[in-house]
Amino acid sequence: MILRIVVDVIQAYIVLLFARLILSWFPMSPWSPWAKVVGALARVTDPVLTPIRRILPPLRVGGAAIDLSPIVLFFALEVVLSILQVR
């Protein structure tokens, strides 16, 4: 029972992380309703992403930078899920 709740919470977090990742690709006015959604998603995901960003800085590609921390977090969460679901 508790294991199922933990798995469900991790899966919900993955959905929130994916939503934040997709929404970060679009420019937004700070006064739009979507800005509040992105802000709420940032408050939920940043506490986990920030330590990863300290260890793994963005990858510089020309004038742009690619943040690899969500990829690392997706991978880590999937590993945790696979370990939890085996038991």
C-alpha atoms as a PDB file:
ATOM      1  CA  MET A   1       0.000   0.000   0.000  1.00  0.00           C
ATOM      2  CA  ILE A   2       2.660   2.531   1.001  1.00  0.00           C
ATOM      3  CA  LEU A   3       4.846   1.398  -1.888  1.00  0.00           C
ATOM      4  CA  ARG A   4       1.966   2.039  -4.314  1.00  0.00           C
ATOM      5  CA  ILE A   5       1.532   5.572  -2.931  1.00  0.00           C
ATOM      6  CA  VAL A   6       5.261   6.290  -3.334  1.00  0.00           C
ATOM      7  CA  VAL A   7       5.182   5.009  -6.919  1.00  0.00           C
ATOM      8  CA  ASP A   8       2.117   7.135  -7.695  1.00  0.00           C
ATOM      9  CA  VAL A   9       3.739  10.257  -6.222  1.00  0.00           C
ATOM     10  CA  ILE A  10       6.898   9.708  -8.279  1.00  0.00           C
ATOM     11  CA  GLN A  11       4.850   9.193 -11.433  1.00  0.00           C
ATOM     12  CA  ALA A  12       2.869  12.377 -10.745  1.00  0.00           C
ATOM     13  CA  TYR A  13       6.146  14.258 -10.210  1.00  0.00           C
ATOM     14  CA  ILE A  14       7.403  12.992 -13.581  1.00  0.00           C
ATOM     15  CA  VAL A  15       4.258  14.390 -15.240  1.00  0.00           C
ATOM     16  CA  LEU A  16       4.781  17.766 -13.537  1.00  0.00           C
ATOM     17  CA  LEU A  17       8.435  17.812 -14.568  1.00  0.00           C
ATOM     18  CA  PHE A  18       7.509  16.989 -18.162  1.00  0.00           C
ATOM     19  CA  ALA A  19       4.853  19.744 -18.195  1.00  0.00           C
ATOM     20  CA  ARG A  20       7.379  22.266 -16.921  1.00  0.00           C
ATOM     21  CA  LEU A  21       9.914  21.170 -19.512  1.00  0.00           C
ATOM     22  CA  ILE A  22       7.420  21.592 -22.370  1.00  0.00           C
ATOM     23  CA  LEU A  23       6.122  24.951 -21.125  1.00  0.00           C
ATOM     24  CA  SER A  24       9.666  26.292 -20.759  1.00  0.00           C
ATOM     25  CA  TRP A  25      10.073  26.168 -24.544  1.00  0.00           C
ATOM     26  CA  PHE A  26       7.440  28.869 -25.095  1.00  0.00           C
ATOM     27  CA  PRO A  27       7.944  32.569 -24.332  1.00  0.00           C
ATOM     28  CA  MET A  28       5.409  33.859 -21.821  1.00  0.00           C
ATOM     29  CA  SER A  29       4.337  37.214 -20.598  1.00  0.00           C
ATOM     30  CA  PRO A  30       4.641  37.496 -16.817  1.00  0.00           C
ATOM     31  CA  TRP A  31       0.978  38.613 -16.730  1.00  0.00           C
ATOM     32  CA  SER A  32      -0.447  35.650 -18.618  1.00  0.00           C
ATOM     33  CA  PRO A  33      -2.362  32.926 -16.774  1.00  0.00           C
ATOM     34  CA  TRP A  34       0.215  30.398 -18.015  1.00  0.00           C
ATOM     35  CA  ALA A  35       2.956  32.277 -16.166  1.00  0.00           C
ATOM     36  CA  LYS A  36       1.264  31.348 -12.890  1.00  0.00           C
ATOM     37  CA  VAL A  37       1.155  27.699 -13.957  1.00  0.00           C
ATOM     38  CA  VAL A  38       4.848  27.761 -14.895  1.00  0.00           C
ATOM     39  CA  GLY A  39       5.654  29.469 -11.577  1.00  0.00           C
ATOM     40  CA  ALA A  40       3.791  26.791  -9.644  1.00  0.00           C
ATOM     41  CA  LEU A  41       5.553  24.044 -11.582  1.00  0.00           C
ATOM     42  CA  ALA A  42       8.898  25.734 -10.913  1.00  0.00           C
ATOM     43  CA  ARG A  43       8.190  25.835  -7.175  1.00  0.00           C
ATOM     44  CA  VAL A  44       7.520  22.089  -7.229  1.00  0.00           C
ATOM     45  CA  THR A  45      10.408  21.022  -9.488  1.00  0.00           C
ATOM     46  CA  ASP A  46      13.203  23.485  -8.670  1.00  0.00           C
ATOM     47  CA  PRO A  47      14.057  22.074  -5.213  1.00  0.00           C
ATOM     48  CA  VAL A  48      15.099  18.830  -6.905  1.00  0.00           C
ATOM     49  CA  LEU A  49      16.577  20.319 -10.096  1.00  0.00           C
ATOM     50  CA  THR A  50      18.744  22.983  -8.417  1.00  0.00           C
ATOM     51  CA  PRO A  51      21.208  20.572  -6.736  1.00  0.00           C
ATOM     52  CA  ILE A  52      21.577  18.696 -10.024  1.00  0.00           C
ATOM     53  CA  ARG A  53      22.266  21.985 -11.825  1.00  0.00           C
ATOM     54  CA  ARG A  54      25.041  22.770  -9.328  1.00  0.00           C
ATOM     55  CA  ILE A  55      26.751  19.475 -10.157  1.00  0.00           C
ATOM     56  CA  LEU A  56      25.974  19.491 -13.893  1.00  0.00           C
ATOM     57  CA  PRO A  57      26.050  23.010 -15.365  1.00  0.00           C
ATOM     58  CA  PRO A  58      24.225  23.732 -18.650  1.00  0.00           C
ATOM     59  CA  LEU A  59      25.924  22.452 -21.790  1.00  0.00           C
ATOM     60  CA  ARG A  60      27.035  25.382 -23.969  1.00  0.00           C
ATOM     61  CA  VAL A  61      26.207  25.007 -27.666  1.00  0.00           C
ATOM     62  CA  GLY A  62      27.190  28.138 -29.541  1.00  0.00           C
ATOM     63  CA  GLY A  63      25.174  30.991 -28.065  1.00  0.00           C
ATOM     64  CA  ALA A  64      22.662  28.668 -26.418  1.00  0.00           C
ATOM     65  CA  ALA A  65      22.791  26.492 -23.330  1.00  0.00           C
ATOM     66  CA  ILE A  66      21.106  23.122 -22.843  1.00  0.00           C
ATOM     67  CA  ASP A  67      19.998  22.275 -19.310  1.00  0.00           C
ATOM     68  CA  LEU A  68      20.641  18.569 -18.815  1.00  0.00           C
ATOM     69  CA  SER A  69      19.311  18.413 -15.252  1.00  0.00           C
ATOM     70  CA  PRO A  70      15.753  17.361 -16.245  1.00  0.00           C
ATOM     71  CA  ILE A  71      17.172  14.467 -18.282  1.00  0.00           C
ATOM     72  CA  VAL A  72      19.275  13.324 -15.336  1.00  0.00           C
ATOM     73  CA  LEU A  73      16.262  13.608 -13.023  1.00  0.00           C
ATOM     74  CA  PHE A  74      13.991  11.703 -15.436  1.00  0.00           C
ATOM     75  CA  PHE A  75      16.558   8.926 -15.634  1.00  0.00           C
ATOM     76  CA  ALA A  76      17.036   8.786 -11.849  1.00  0.00           C
ATOM     77  CA  LEU A  77      13.292   8.711 -11.187  1.00  0.00           C
ATOM     78  CA  GLU A  78      12.779   5.956 -13.745  1.00  0.00           C
ATOM     79  CA  VAL A  79      15.534   3.903 -12.087  1.00  0.00           C
ATOM     80  CA  VAL A  80      13.868   4.394  -8.698  1.00  0.00           C
ATOM     81  CA  LEU A  81      10.507   3.391 -10.153  1.00  0.00           C
ATOM     82  CA  SER A  82      11.916   0.276 -11.728  1.00  0.00           C
ATOM     83  CA  ILE A  83      13.523  -0.731  -8.427  1.00  0.00           C
ATOM     84  CA  LEU A  84      10.313  -0.091  -6.465  1.00  0.00           C
ATOM     85  CA  GLN A  85       8.077  -1.919  -8.918  1.00  0.00           C
ATOM     86  CA  VAL A  86      10.226  -5.062  -8.954  1.00  0.00           C
ATOM     87  CA  ARG A  87       9.460  -5.779  -5.305  1.00  0.00           C
END
